[in-house]
Amino acid sequence: MHNKLSLVRTTVEIPDNLRARLLEIAARRGLKGFSALVEEALILYLGELERREEQAGRAMALIGSLSEEETEALESSVSNARRSWR
């Protein structure tokens, strides 16, 4: 999963219960340690963070894109829908 030429060793403190879970998963996968699992988790986390930031940016770009009348109509529609949910 990683390029051995660009590896950096570091110390990360994790709770015992998470370490135990990582070792269990690593053993099931036939791995000696859990570095690959930590790398996988970081890739997934950073990808999700990037996706959320992109979504937030797209949402922020929409601010002001509705007219005042459209905004009022949308708010009224949402309010009516919420009342019917109860």
N, C-alpha and C. Protein backbone atom coordinates (compact mmCIF):
# COMPACT_ATOMS: atom_id res chain seq x y z
N MET A 1 0.82 -1.20 0.00
CA MET A 1 0.00 0.00 0.00
C MET A 1 0.86 1.25 0.00
N HIS A 2 2.05 1.17 0.54
CA HIS A 2 2.88 2.37 0.63
C HIS A 2 4.16 2.21 -0.19
N ASN A 3 4.77 3.35 -0.44
CA ASN A 3 6.05 3.39 -1.14
C ASN A 3 7.15 3.38 -0.09
N LYS A 4 7.94 2.31 -0.04
CA LYS A 4 8.96 2.15 1.00
C LYS A 4 9.98 3.28 1.00
N LEU A 5 10.14 3.97 -0.11
CA LEU A 5 11.12 5.05 -0.18
C LEU A 5 10.66 6.30 0.56
N SER A 6 9.39 6.42 0.82
CA SER A 6 8.89 7.64 1.45
C SER A 6 8.33 7.40 2.86
N LEU A 7 8.72 6.33 3.50
CA LEU A 7 8.22 6.03 4.84
C LEU A 7 8.87 6.94 5.88
N VAL A 8 8.09 7.31 6.88
CA VAL A 8 8.59 8.08 8.01
C VAL A 8 8.14 7.37 9.27
N ARG A 9 9.08 7.12 10.16
CA ARG A 9 8.73 6.49 11.44
C ARG A 9 8.33 7.58 12.42
N THR A 10 7.31 7.31 13.19
CA THR A 10 6.85 8.27 14.19
C THR A 10 6.23 7.52 15.35
N THR A 11 6.05 8.22 16.44
CA THR A 11 5.41 7.62 17.62
C THR A 11 4.01 8.20 17.74
N VAL A 12 3.05 7.33 17.89
CA VAL A 12 1.66 7.74 18.07
C VAL A 12 1.13 7.02 19.29
N GLU A 13 0.52 7.77 20.18
CA GLU A 13 -0.06 7.16 21.38
C GLU A 13 -1.51 6.80 21.10
N ILE A 14 -1.86 5.54 21.36
CA ILE A 14 -3.23 5.09 21.18
C ILE A 14 -3.64 4.31 22.43
N PRO A 15 -4.92 4.33 22.77
CA PRO A 15 -5.40 3.59 23.93
C PRO A 15 -5.19 2.08 23.75
N ASP A 16 -5.02 1.38 24.85
CA ASP A 16 -4.80 -0.07 24.83
C ASP A 16 -5.89 -0.82 24.09
N ASN A 17 -7.14 -0.40 24.28
CA ASN A 17 -8.24 -1.13 23.63
C ASN A 17 -8.17 -1.01 22.11
N LEU A 18 -7.74 0.15 21.59
CA LEU A 18 -7.61 0.29 20.14
C LEU A 18 -6.42 -0.51 19.62
N ARG A 19 -5.34 -0.51 20.38
CA ARG A 19 -4.16 -1.30 20.00
C ARG A 19 -4.53 -2.78 19.92
N ALA A 20 -5.29 -3.26 20.89
CA ALA A 20 -5.71 -4.66 20.90
C ALA A 20 -6.56 -4.99 19.68
N ARG A 21 -7.46 -4.08 19.34
CA ARG A 21 -8.31 -4.31 18.17
C ARG A 21 -7.49 -4.32 16.89
N LEU A 22 -6.52 -3.39 16.80
CA LEU A 22 -5.66 -3.36 15.62
C LEU A 22 -4.85 -4.65 15.49
N LEU A 23 -4.30 -5.13 16.61
CA LEU A 23 -3.53 -6.36 16.57
C LEU A 23 -4.40 -7.55 16.17
N GLU A 24 -5.64 -7.55 16.62
CA GLU A 24 -6.57 -8.63 16.27
C GLU A 24 -6.86 -8.63 14.78
N ILE A 25 -7.12 -7.46 14.23
CA ILE A 25 -7.39 -7.35 12.79
C ILE A 25 -6.15 -7.73 12.00
N ALA A 26 -5.00 -7.24 12.44
CA ALA A 26 -3.74 -7.56 11.75
C ALA A 26 -3.51 -9.07 11.73
N ALA A 27 -3.76 -9.72 12.85
CA ALA A 27 -3.57 -11.17 12.93
C ALA A 27 -4.50 -11.89 11.96
N ARG A 28 -5.75 -11.44 11.89
CA ARG A 28 -6.70 -12.05 10.95
C ARG A 28 -6.25 -11.89 9.51
N ARG A 29 -5.57 -10.80 9.22
CA ARG A 29 -5.08 -10.54 7.86
C ARG A 29 -3.71 -11.14 7.61
N GLY A 30 -3.14 -11.73 8.64
CA GLY A 30 -1.83 -12.33 8.48
C GLY A 30 -0.68 -11.33 8.51
N LEU A 31 -0.90 -10.19 9.12
CA LEU A 31 0.12 -9.15 9.21
C LEU A 31 0.89 -9.29 10.52
N LYS A 32 2.15 -8.90 10.52
CA LYS A 32 2.97 -8.96 11.74
C LYS A 32 2.64 -7.82 12.69
N GLY A 33 2.37 -6.66 12.17
CA GLY A 33 2.05 -5.49 12.98
C GLY A 33 0.83 -4.80 12.40
N PHE A 34 0.58 -3.59 12.86
CA PHE A 34 -0.61 -2.91 12.37
C PHE A 34 -0.32 -1.61 11.63
N SER A 35 0.91 -1.40 11.20
CA SER A 35 1.25 -0.18 10.45
C SER A 35 0.40 -0.04 9.20
N ALA A 36 0.19 -1.14 8.47
CA ALA A 36 -0.62 -1.07 7.25
C ALA A 36 -2.06 -0.69 7.57
N LEU A 37 -2.56 -1.13 8.72
CA LEU A 37 -3.92 -0.77 9.12
C LEU A 37 -4.02 0.71 9.46
N VAL A 38 -3.01 1.23 10.12
CA VAL A 38 -3.00 2.66 10.46
C VAL A 38 -2.92 3.48 9.18
N GLU A 39 -2.08 3.04 8.24
CA GLU A 39 -1.99 3.74 6.95
C GLU A 39 -3.33 3.73 6.23
N GLU A 40 -3.97 2.57 6.20
CA GLU A 40 -5.29 2.44 5.56
C GLU A 40 -6.30 3.37 6.22
N ALA A 41 -6.30 3.40 7.55
CA ALA A 41 -7.23 4.26 8.29
C ALA A 41 -6.98 5.73 7.99
N LEU A 42 -5.71 6.12 7.92
CA LEU A 42 -5.38 7.52 7.62
C LEU A 42 -5.81 7.90 6.21
N ILE A 43 -5.60 7.01 5.26
CA ILE A 43 -6.02 7.28 3.89
C ILE A 43 -7.54 7.46 3.83
N LEU A 44 -8.27 6.57 4.48
CA LEU A 44 -9.73 6.68 4.50
C LEU A 44 -10.19 7.96 5.19
N TYR A 45 -9.58 8.27 6.34
CA TYR A 45 -9.97 9.46 7.10
C TYR A 45 -9.68 10.73 6.29
N LEU A 46 -8.49 10.83 5.74
CA LEU A 46 -8.13 12.03 4.99
C LEU A 46 -8.98 12.18 3.74
N GLY A 47 -9.32 11.07 3.10
CA GLY A 47 -10.21 11.12 1.95
C GLY A 47 -11.59 11.62 2.33
N GLU A 48 -12.10 11.13 3.45
CA GLU A 48 -13.41 11.57 3.93
C GLU A 48 -13.37 13.05 4.32
N LEU A 49 -12.31 13.46 4.97
CA LEU A 49 -12.16 14.88 5.36
C LEU A 49 -12.15 15.76 4.12
N GLU A 50 -11.41 15.34 3.10
CA GLU A 50 -11.37 16.12 1.85
C GLU A 50 -12.75 16.18 1.21
N ARG A 51 -13.45 15.05 1.20
CA ARG A 51 -14.81 15.02 0.61
C ARG A 51 -15.73 15.98 1.34
N ARG A 52 -15.68 15.98 2.68
CA ARG A 52 -16.52 16.88 3.47
C ARG A 52 -16.18 18.34 3.22
N GLU A 53 -14.89 18.64 3.12
CA GLU A 53 -14.48 20.03 2.86
C GLU A 53 -14.96 20.48 1.48
N GLU A 54 -14.90 19.58 0.50
CA GLU A 54 -15.40 19.92 -0.84
C GLU A 54 -16.90 20.16 -0.80
N GLN A 55 -17.64 19.32 -0.07
CA GLN A 55 -19.08 19.50 0.06
C GLN A 55 -19.40 20.83 0.74
N ALA A 56 -18.66 21.16 1.80
CA ALA A 56 -18.88 22.42 2.50
C ALA A 56 -18.61 23.59 1.57
N GLY A 57 -17.56 23.49 0.78
CA GLY A 57 -17.25 24.55 -0.17
C GLY A 57 -18.35 24.74 -1.20
N ARG A 58 -18.87 23.61 -1.70
CA ARG A 58 -19.98 23.71 -2.66
C ARG A 58 -21.21 24.32 -2.01
N ALA A 59 -21.48 23.94 -0.76
CA ALA A 59 -22.64 24.49 -0.05
C ALA A 59 -22.46 25.98 0.19
N MET A 60 -21.25 26.38 0.59
CA MET A 60 -21.00 27.80 0.83
C MET A 60 -21.15 28.61 -0.46
N ALA A 61 -20.81 28.02 -1.58
CA ALA A 61 -20.93 28.71 -2.86
C ALA A 61 -22.39 28.98 -3.21
N LEU A 62 -23.30 28.22 -2.62
CA LEU A 62 -24.73 28.40 -2.90
C LEU A 62 -25.37 29.53 -2.10
N ILE A 63 -24.66 30.00 -1.07
CA ILE A 63 -25.22 31.07 -0.24
C ILE A 63 -25.56 32.26 -1.12
N GLY A 64 -26.79 32.70 -0.99
CA GLY A 64 -27.24 33.85 -1.77
C GLY A 64 -27.71 33.51 -3.17
N SER A 65 -27.76 32.23 -3.51
CA SER A 65 -28.15 31.86 -4.87
C SER A 65 -29.67 31.84 -5.06
N LEU A 66 -30.42 31.81 -3.97
CA LEU A 66 -31.88 31.89 -4.06
C LEU A 66 -32.33 33.33 -3.84
N SER A 67 -33.38 33.70 -4.54
CA SER A 67 -33.96 35.03 -4.31
C SER A 67 -34.68 35.01 -2.96
N GLU A 68 -35.03 36.17 -2.48
CA GLU A 68 -35.74 36.25 -1.20
C GLU A 68 -37.06 35.49 -1.27
N GLU A 69 -37.75 35.61 -2.40
CA GLU A 69 -39.03 34.92 -2.56
C GLU A 69 -38.84 33.40 -2.58
N GLU A 70 -37.80 32.94 -3.26
CA GLU A 70 -37.52 31.51 -3.31
C GLU A 70 -37.16 30.98 -1.92
N THR A 71 -36.40 31.78 -1.18
CA THR A 71 -36.02 31.39 0.18
C THR A 71 -37.24 31.27 1.07
N GLU A 72 -38.13 32.24 1.00
CA GLU A 72 -39.35 32.20 1.81
C GLU A 72 -40.22 31.01 1.44
N ALA A 73 -40.33 30.72 0.15
CA ALA A 73 -41.14 29.58 -0.30
C ALA A 73 -40.53 28.27 0.19
N LEU A 74 -39.23 28.15 0.13
CA LEU A 74 -38.55 26.94 0.60
C LEU A 74 -38.72 26.78 2.11
N GLU A 75 -38.52 27.85 2.86
CA GLU A 75 -38.69 27.79 4.31
C GLU A 75 -40.11 27.40 4.68
N SER A 76 -41.10 27.95 3.97
CA SER A 76 -42.50 27.61 4.23
C SER A 76 -42.77 26.14 3.93
N SER A 77 -42.24 25.67 2.83
CA SER A 77 -42.42 24.26 2.45
C SER A 77 -41.80 23.33 3.49
N VAL A 78 -40.61 23.65 3.95
CA VAL A 78 -39.94 22.82 4.97
C VAL A 78 -40.73 22.87 6.27
N SER A 79 -41.20 24.04 6.64
CA SER A 79 -41.99 24.18 7.87
C SER A 79 -43.26 23.33 7.80
N ASN A 80 -43.95 23.38 6.67
CA ASN A 80 -45.17 22.58 6.49
C ASN A 80 -44.86 21.09 6.54
N ALA A 81 -43.77 20.68 5.93
CA ALA A 81 -43.38 19.27 5.94
C ALA A 81 -43.07 18.82 7.35
N ARG A 82 -42.38 19.64 8.11
CA ARG A 82 -42.04 19.28 9.50
C ARG A 82 -43.29 19.12 10.36
N ARG A 83 -44.26 19.99 10.15
CA ARG A 83 -45.51 19.89 10.94
C ARG A 83 -46.24 18.57 10.63
N SER A 84 -46.16 18.11 9.41
CA SER A 84 -46.87 16.89 9.04
C SER A 84 -46.13 15.62 9.50
N TRP A 85 -44.87 15.75 9.93
CA TRP A 85 -44.10 14.60 10.39
C TRP A 85 -44.52 14.18 11.79
N ARG A 86 -45.09 15.07 12.55
CA ARG A 86 -45.39 14.80 13.96
C ARG A 86 -46.67 14.07 14.14
